[in-house]
Amino acid sequence: MRTWFNTLTPRTIFGLTLITVALLALPFVAALGGQAWVRIVNFAILYVFLALGLNIVVGFAGLLDLGYIAFYAVGAYLWALLASPHFGLHLPFWVILPLGAIVACFFGILLGAPTLKLRGDYLAIVTLGFGEIVRIFMNNLNAPINITNGPQGITLIDPVAIGNFKFSTGSTVFGIDISGPQKYYYLLLVLVLAVIAINVRLQHSRIGRAWQAIREDEIAAKAIGINTRNMKLLAFAMGASFGGVAGGIFAAMQGFVSPESFSLIESVMILAMVVLGGMGHIPGVILGAILLTVLPEALRYAVVPVQKALFGAVLADPESLRMLIFGLALVLVMRFKPAGLWPSPDRRRELAEKAR
């Protein structure tokens, strides 16, 4: 029986081998610049995770969601409550992660159900409000019963652990010294590869084609027999479940969560990753997430040395100047590449037809 492996050309196998070696070696290369860069790479993968989840809602189904960070918060706080001294619970990660996906999925349906007839700006406003409501709840659920510890957040959160093997501390594996961030890198890599595989399968399945039909023309989709209500709810639920899992990993990596980590700007940033890379195109979304995570950090390190080299002093606050350059770059990209840096062929064709 012929398998997919038999269809691969030697050139493709060589390319996949190079990519595999590069991914395996990346945390050790990044560590040459310090463990801070390994953490930046980890957060880049985490944002790829989030962007792929939001891409299901925005890119595949065409539903504008500005409250996606709420599902991230749900997953993070669920991990914090079930794996910390706050309630005295220390459940294993293989229980909490699936539970985080299920609870976030429920919240996704809770958001999607009342918004089924909304589109465009109205949907954006409702989802934005949902994200803010969840953040405000997290900020105020410390009285009369202290559930979330309010603005102080929850500390001493358990890391991911398999028996006595903890991902938060360094150890020696097969004679190689591996730090905590490097361990988390490989865990995140496995998870994100699984998410990419799920996204690819979804995109080319009947469900993915139904989402695409709804995105193109909801009335026509309904006319050919697609249950648009169920498909929209499924998009919200699937996207939210990925956000819940990412939130759990975030809480385990940080060891601390607070409402400040789940502000509106985070939702906007994740949406920008999807739009910048190319809505509905999985490789493009991955590219957008990596660029918008790594480049701002690179600018943070470069702003001060460049100013000192040019002017002999620091004239502008590094954070403000970094965001100014970042915003200008986004404007230029959207001006000259409206379909994103790596758009899907369908999206490129749609924009070409509209321009005529």
Protein backbone atom coordinates (compact mmCIF):
# COMPACT_ATOMS: atom_id res chain seq x y z
CA MET A 1 0.00 0.00 0.00
CA ARG A 2 1.32 3.42 -0.96
CA THR A 3 1.84 5.81 1.92
CA TRP A 4 2.47 9.57 2.01
CA PHE A 5 6.15 8.88 2.71
CA ASN A 6 6.51 7.13 -0.66
CA THR A 7 5.40 10.34 -2.42
CA LEU A 8 8.21 12.45 -0.92
CA THR A 9 11.05 13.37 -3.26
CA PRO A 10 14.70 13.21 -2.12
CA ARG A 11 14.81 17.01 -2.22
CA THR A 12 11.80 17.24 0.10
CA ILE A 13 13.27 14.66 2.50
CA PHE A 14 16.55 16.62 2.56
CA GLY A 15 14.68 19.85 3.31
CA LEU A 16 12.65 18.25 6.11
CA THR A 17 15.84 16.82 7.59
CA LEU A 18 17.50 20.25 7.63
CA ILE A 19 14.43 21.81 9.27
CA THR A 20 14.35 19.07 11.91
CA VAL A 21 18.03 19.52 12.75
CA ALA A 22 17.60 23.31 12.91
CA LEU A 23 14.61 23.04 15.25
CA LEU A 24 16.41 20.60 17.54
CA ALA A 25 19.53 22.79 17.69
CA LEU A 26 17.71 26.15 18.01
CA PRO A 27 17.55 26.35 21.85
CA PHE A 28 21.27 25.69 22.14
CA VAL A 29 22.06 28.32 19.49
CA ALA A 30 19.77 30.83 21.22
CA ALA A 31 21.44 30.04 24.56
CA LEU A 32 24.71 31.45 23.18
CA GLY A 33 23.10 34.87 23.62
CA GLY A 34 21.81 34.01 27.08
CA GLN A 35 18.81 32.15 28.50
CA ALA A 36 16.70 35.26 27.90
CA TRP A 37 16.77 34.52 24.18
CA VAL A 38 15.65 30.95 24.80
CA ARG A 39 12.68 32.36 26.70
CA ILE A 40 11.94 34.71 23.78
CA VAL A 41 11.94 31.72 21.41
CA ASN A 42 9.59 29.89 23.80
CA PHE A 43 7.18 32.81 23.80
CA ALA A 44 7.39 32.98 20.02
CA ILE A 45 6.22 29.35 19.88
CA LEU A 46 3.51 30.10 22.43
CA TYR A 47 2.25 32.96 20.26
CA VAL A 48 2.33 30.68 17.21
CA PHE A 49 0.06 28.40 19.24
CA LEU A 50 -2.33 31.29 19.97
CA ALA A 51 -2.23 32.69 16.44
CA LEU A 52 -3.10 29.30 14.95
CA GLY A 53 -6.06 29.05 17.34
CA LEU A 54 -7.31 32.52 16.40
CA ASN A 55 -6.72 31.74 12.73
CA ILE A 56 -9.47 29.11 12.93
CA VAL A 57 -11.96 31.80 13.92
CA VAL A 58 -10.68 34.73 11.86
CA GLY A 59 -8.87 33.10 8.95
CA PHE A 60 -10.93 29.97 8.30
CA ALA A 61 -14.43 31.06 9.35
CA GLY A 62 -14.08 34.82 8.79
CA LEU A 63 -15.34 35.82 12.26
CA LEU A 64 -13.59 38.86 13.77
CA ASP A 65 -12.66 38.08 17.38
CA LEU A 66 -11.05 40.76 19.57
CA GLY A 67 -11.53 38.86 22.82
CA TYR A 68 -9.40 35.80 22.12
CA ILE A 69 -7.11 36.57 25.04
CA ALA A 70 -9.98 35.60 27.36
CA PHE A 71 -9.51 31.90 26.52
CA TYR A 72 -5.79 32.27 27.16
CA ALA A 73 -6.66 33.71 30.58
CA VAL A 74 -9.10 30.90 31.33
CA GLY A 75 -6.45 28.25 30.63
CA ALA A 76 -3.80 30.10 32.65
CA TYR A 77 -6.00 30.63 35.70
CA LEU A 78 -7.32 27.07 35.59
CA TRP A 79 -3.73 25.78 35.76
CA ALA A 80 -2.93 28.29 38.54
CA LEU A 81 -5.93 27.22 40.63
CA LEU A 82 -5.40 23.48 40.19
CA ALA A 83 -1.60 23.41 40.50
CA SER A 84 -0.58 25.84 43.22
CA PRO A 85 -0.82 26.31 47.02
CA HIS A 86 -3.73 28.74 46.45
CA PHE A 87 -6.30 25.97 46.94
CA GLY A 88 -3.78 23.36 48.03
CA LEU A 89 -4.26 21.39 44.81
CA HIS A 90 -1.37 20.02 42.81
CA LEU A 91 -2.91 18.06 39.96
CA PRO A 92 -0.64 16.61 37.23
CA PHE A 93 -0.33 18.40 33.91
CA TRP A 94 -1.93 15.57 31.93
CA VAL A 95 -5.15 16.24 33.86
CA ILE A 96 -5.05 20.04 33.79
CA LEU A 97 -4.17 20.59 30.10
CA PRO A 98 -7.13 18.61 28.68
CA LEU A 99 -9.36 20.18 31.32
CA GLY A 100 -8.12 23.63 30.28
CA ALA A 101 -9.00 22.86 26.66
CA ILE A 102 -12.49 21.68 27.67
CA VAL A 103 -13.23 24.68 29.91
CA ALA A 104 -11.94 27.15 27.31
CA CYS A 105 -14.01 25.32 24.68
CA PHE A 106 -17.09 25.85 26.88
CA PHE A 107 -16.29 29.57 27.13
CA GLY A 108 -15.85 29.66 23.35
CA ILE A 109 -19.35 28.28 22.89
CA LEU A 110 -20.58 30.73 25.54
CA LEU A 111 -19.14 33.59 23.47
CA GLY A 112 -20.25 32.20 20.12
CA ALA A 113 -23.87 31.39 20.97
CA PRO A 114 -25.15 34.98 21.39
CA THR A 115 -23.11 36.30 18.46
CA LEU A 116 -24.26 33.94 15.71
CA LYS A 117 -26.14 36.66 13.81
CA LEU A 118 -23.46 39.32 14.22
CA ARG A 119 -20.81 40.17 11.65
CA GLY A 120 -18.03 42.69 11.19
CA ASP A 121 -17.82 45.61 13.60
CA TYR A 122 -20.69 44.41 15.78
CA LEU A 123 -19.05 41.04 16.34
CA ALA A 124 -15.74 42.76 17.09
CA ILE A 125 -17.35 44.95 19.77
CA VAL A 126 -19.09 42.02 21.46
CA THR A 127 -15.96 39.84 21.51
CA LEU A 128 -13.89 42.79 22.75
CA GLY A 129 -16.36 43.23 25.60
CA PHE A 130 -16.18 39.52 26.42
CA GLY A 131 -12.40 39.65 26.71
CA GLU A 132 -12.57 42.66 29.03
CA ILE A 133 -15.30 41.07 31.16
CA VAL A 134 -13.14 37.98 31.76
CA ARG A 135 -10.14 40.14 32.70
CA ILE A 136 -12.24 42.26 35.09
CA PHE A 137 -13.66 39.12 36.68
CA MET A 138 -10.16 37.79 37.25
CA ASN A 139 -9.25 41.13 38.79
CA ASN A 140 -12.20 41.19 41.21
CA LEU A 141 -12.88 37.58 42.19
CA ASN A 142 -11.07 37.96 45.50
CA ALA A 143 -14.10 38.87 47.60
CA PRO A 144 -16.24 37.74 49.33
CA ILE A 145 -14.52 34.43 48.43
CA ASN A 146 -10.93 34.67 47.29
CA ILE A 147 -10.85 32.70 44.04
CA THR A 148 -8.32 34.49 41.84
CA ASN A 149 -6.44 36.55 44.46
CA GLY A 150 -7.46 39.69 42.56
CA PRO A 151 -4.83 42.03 41.09
CA GLN A 152 -2.09 40.40 43.18
CA GLY A 153 -2.31 37.28 41.04
CA ILE A 154 -1.41 33.71 41.94
CA THR A 155 2.18 32.71 42.66
CA LEU A 156 4.18 29.52 43.27
CA ILE A 157 2.44 27.76 40.39
CA ASP A 158 3.65 24.23 39.73
CA PRO A 159 5.73 23.73 36.56
CA VAL A 160 5.10 20.95 34.09
CA ALA A 161 6.53 17.77 35.57
CA ILE A 162 6.67 14.11 34.61
CA GLY A 163 7.35 12.27 37.84
CA ASN A 164 10.52 13.81 39.26
CA PHE A 165 11.49 15.35 35.92
CA LYS A 166 10.60 19.05 36.21
CA PHE A 167 10.71 21.35 33.20
CA SER A 168 11.49 24.42 35.32
CA THR A 169 14.95 23.35 36.43
CA GLY A 170 18.10 22.38 34.57
CA SER A 171 19.28 18.81 34.37
CA THR A 172 21.58 16.52 32.42
CA VAL A 173 20.01 14.34 29.72
CA PHE A 174 22.22 11.84 27.86
CA GLY A 175 25.25 13.75 29.09
CA ILE A 176 23.96 17.09 27.79
CA ASP A 177 23.19 19.95 30.19
CA ILE A 178 19.71 21.30 29.45
CA SER A 179 18.25 24.34 31.19
CA GLY A 180 14.62 24.77 32.21
CA PRO A 181 13.76 27.10 29.28
CA GLN A 182 15.34 24.63 26.86
CA LYS A 183 13.19 21.84 28.27
CA TYR A 184 10.08 23.96 27.80
CA TYR A 185 11.19 24.66 24.22
CA TYR A 186 10.99 20.98 23.29
CA LEU A 187 7.64 20.58 25.05
CA LEU A 188 6.23 23.61 23.20
CA LEU A 189 7.68 22.35 19.93
CA VAL A 190 5.87 19.02 20.26
CA LEU A 191 2.60 20.76 21.15
CA VAL A 192 2.79 23.30 18.34
CA LEU A 193 3.59 20.59 15.76
CA ALA A 194 0.47 18.75 16.93
CA VAL A 195 -1.57 21.97 16.58
CA ILE A 196 -0.19 22.56 13.07
CA ALA A 197 -1.12 19.00 12.08
CA ILE A 198 -4.66 19.50 13.44
CA ASN A 199 -5.00 22.83 11.60
CA VAL A 200 -3.86 21.32 8.31
CA ARG A 201 -6.32 18.44 8.67
CA LEU A 202 -9.12 20.83 9.57
CA GLN A 203 -8.41 23.17 6.67
CA HIS A 204 -8.62 20.39 4.08
CA SER A 205 -11.58 18.60 5.65
CA ARG A 206 -15.31 19.06 5.05
CA ILE A 207 -15.41 21.27 8.13
CA GLY A 208 -12.65 23.50 6.74
CA ARG A 209 -14.44 23.84 3.41
CA ALA A 210 -17.66 24.69 5.24
CA TRP A 211 -15.83 27.43 7.18
CA GLN A 212 -14.42 28.78 3.94
CA ALA A 213 -17.89 28.87 2.40
CA ILE A 214 -19.22 30.80 5.42
CA ARG A 215 -16.31 33.23 5.17
CA GLU A 216 -16.93 33.86 1.48
CA ASP A 217 -20.74 34.16 1.58
CA GLU A 218 -22.76 33.04 4.58
CA ILE A 219 -26.11 33.26 2.77
CA ALA A 220 -24.87 31.09 -0.09
CA ALA A 221 -23.37 28.63 2.41
CA LYS A 222 -26.72 28.32 4.17
CA ALA A 223 -28.47 27.88 0.81
CA ILE A 224 -26.35 24.84 -0.11
CA GLY A 225 -27.17 23.11 3.18
CA ILE A 226 -24.33 24.08 5.52
CA ASN A 227 -25.45 24.42 9.14
CA THR A 228 -23.84 27.83 9.66
CA ARG A 229 -24.84 27.98 13.32
CA ASN A 230 -23.06 24.78 14.27
CA MET A 231 -20.05 25.57 12.09
CA LYS A 232 -19.58 28.98 13.73
CA LEU A 233 -19.88 27.50 17.21
CA LEU A 234 -17.38 24.81 16.26
CA ALA A 235 -14.92 27.48 15.06
CA PHE A 236 -15.22 29.40 18.33
CA ALA A 237 -14.90 26.18 20.36
CA MET A 238 -11.87 24.84 18.46
CA GLY A 239 -10.02 28.15 18.55
CA ALA A 240 -10.77 28.63 22.24
CA SER A 241 -9.51 25.15 23.16
CA PHE A 242 -6.07 25.95 21.69
CA GLY A 243 -6.04 29.20 23.66
CA GLY A 244 -6.85 27.30 26.87
CA VAL A 245 -3.95 24.88 26.41
CA ALA A 246 -1.56 27.75 25.60
CA GLY A 247 -2.71 29.58 28.75
CA GLY A 248 -1.94 26.54 30.89
CA ILE A 249 1.59 26.25 29.51
CA PHE A 250 2.07 30.00 30.02
CA ALA A 251 1.13 29.71 33.71
CA ALA A 252 3.47 26.74 34.19
CA MET A 253 6.37 28.54 32.49
CA GLN A 254 5.93 31.79 34.40
CA GLY A 255 5.00 30.36 37.79
CA PHE A 256 2.79 33.42 38.24
CA VAL A 257 -0.38 34.81 36.64
CA SER A 258 -2.21 38.10 37.10
CA PRO A 259 -4.94 39.95 35.15
CA GLU A 260 -2.34 42.34 33.72
CA SER A 261 -1.08 39.59 31.42
CA PHE A 262 -4.44 39.38 29.60
CA SER A 263 -5.15 42.93 28.50
CA LEU A 264 -6.79 44.06 25.26
CA ILE A 265 -3.42 44.85 23.68
CA GLU A 266 -2.58 41.14 23.82
CA SER A 267 -5.72 40.28 21.81
CA VAL A 268 -4.86 42.97 19.29
CA MET A 269 -1.30 41.66 19.03
CA ILE A 270 -2.46 38.10 18.32
CA LEU A 271 -4.92 39.37 15.71
CA ALA A 272 -2.11 41.41 14.13
CA MET A 273 -0.03 38.23 13.86
CA VAL A 274 -2.81 36.52 11.91
CA VAL A 275 -3.45 39.50 9.63
CA LEU A 276 0.22 40.33 9.08
CA GLY A 277 1.20 36.78 8.19
CA GLY A 278 -1.81 36.06 5.99
CA MET A 279 -5.30 35.17 7.22
CA GLY A 280 -6.27 31.57 6.62
CA HIS A 281 -2.76 30.53 5.55
CA ILE A 282 -1.06 28.40 8.20
CA PRO A 283 2.58 29.06 7.15
CA GLY A 284 1.80 32.78 6.92
CA VAL A 285 0.25 32.86 10.40
CA ILE A 286 3.32 31.09 11.82
CA LEU A 287 5.59 33.65 10.12
CA GLY A 288 3.51 36.56 11.46
CA ALA A 289 3.59 35.21 15.02
CA ILE A 290 7.36 34.70 14.96
CA LEU A 291 8.06 38.14 13.48
CA LEU A 292 5.82 40.04 15.89
CA THR A 293 7.33 38.21 18.86
CA VAL A 294 11.03 38.24 18.01
CA LEU A 295 11.43 41.57 16.17
CA PRO A 296 10.10 43.80 18.98
CA GLU A 297 12.52 42.12 21.39
CA ALA A 298 15.39 42.58 18.94
CA LEU A 299 14.45 46.26 18.64
CA ARG A 300 14.42 46.54 22.42
CA TYR A 301 18.05 45.45 22.55
CA ALA A 302 19.08 47.55 19.53
CA VAL A 303 17.43 50.91 20.31
CA VAL A 304 19.84 52.06 23.06
CA PRO A 305 23.13 51.07 21.32
CA VAL A 306 22.03 52.66 18.03
CA GLN A 307 21.10 55.96 19.72
CA LYS A 308 24.41 56.05 21.58
CA ALA A 309 26.32 55.33 18.39
CA LEU A 310 24.52 58.03 16.41
CA PHE A 311 23.95 60.77 19.01
CA GLY A 312 26.22 59.85 21.89
CA ALA A 313 23.25 59.68 24.27
CA VAL A 314 19.83 58.08 24.68
CA LEU A 315 17.35 60.70 23.37
CA ALA A 316 14.15 58.63 23.35
CA ASP A 317 12.76 56.08 25.76
CA PRO A 318 13.61 52.60 24.39
CA GLU A 319 10.12 51.19 24.99
CA SER A 320 8.33 54.10 23.27
CA LEU A 321 10.71 54.18 20.33
CA ARG A 322 10.50 50.42 19.95
CA MET A 323 6.71 50.54 19.72
CA LEU A 324 6.86 53.51 17.32
CA ILE A 325 9.12 51.60 14.92
CA PHE A 326 7.00 48.51 15.38
CA GLY A 327 3.77 50.38 14.57
CA LEU A 328 5.31 52.09 11.54
CA ALA A 329 6.48 48.73 10.20
CA LEU A 330 2.94 47.32 10.54
CA VAL A 331 1.45 50.30 8.69
CA LEU A 332 3.92 49.94 5.83
CA VAL A 333 3.31 46.20 5.53
CA MET A 334 -0.47 46.66 5.47
CA ARG A 335 -0.07 49.43 2.88
CA PHE A 336 2.06 47.47 0.45
CA LYS A 337 1.10 43.87 1.35
CA PRO A 338 -2.62 44.04 2.27
CA ALA A 339 -3.02 40.26 2.01
CA GLY A 340 -0.19 39.69 4.49
CA LEU A 341 3.44 38.75 4.09
CA TRP A 342 2.61 35.18 3.05
CA PRO A 343 -1.02 35.07 1.91
CA SER A 344 -2.88 31.99 0.81
CA PRO A 345 -3.48 31.66 -2.96
CA ASP A 346 -7.23 32.08 -2.40
CA ARG A 347 -6.76 35.30 -0.44
CA ARG A 348 -4.36 36.69 -3.04
CA ARG A 349 -6.87 35.91 -5.79
CA GLU A 350 -9.74 37.54 -3.86
CA LEU A 351 -7.81 40.79 -3.43
CA ALA A 352 -6.75 40.76 -7.09
CA GLU A 353 -10.39 40.41 -8.18
CA LYS A 354 -11.51 43.26 -5.89
CA ALA A 355 -8.78 45.53 -7.24
CA ARG A 356 -10.06 45.13 -10.80
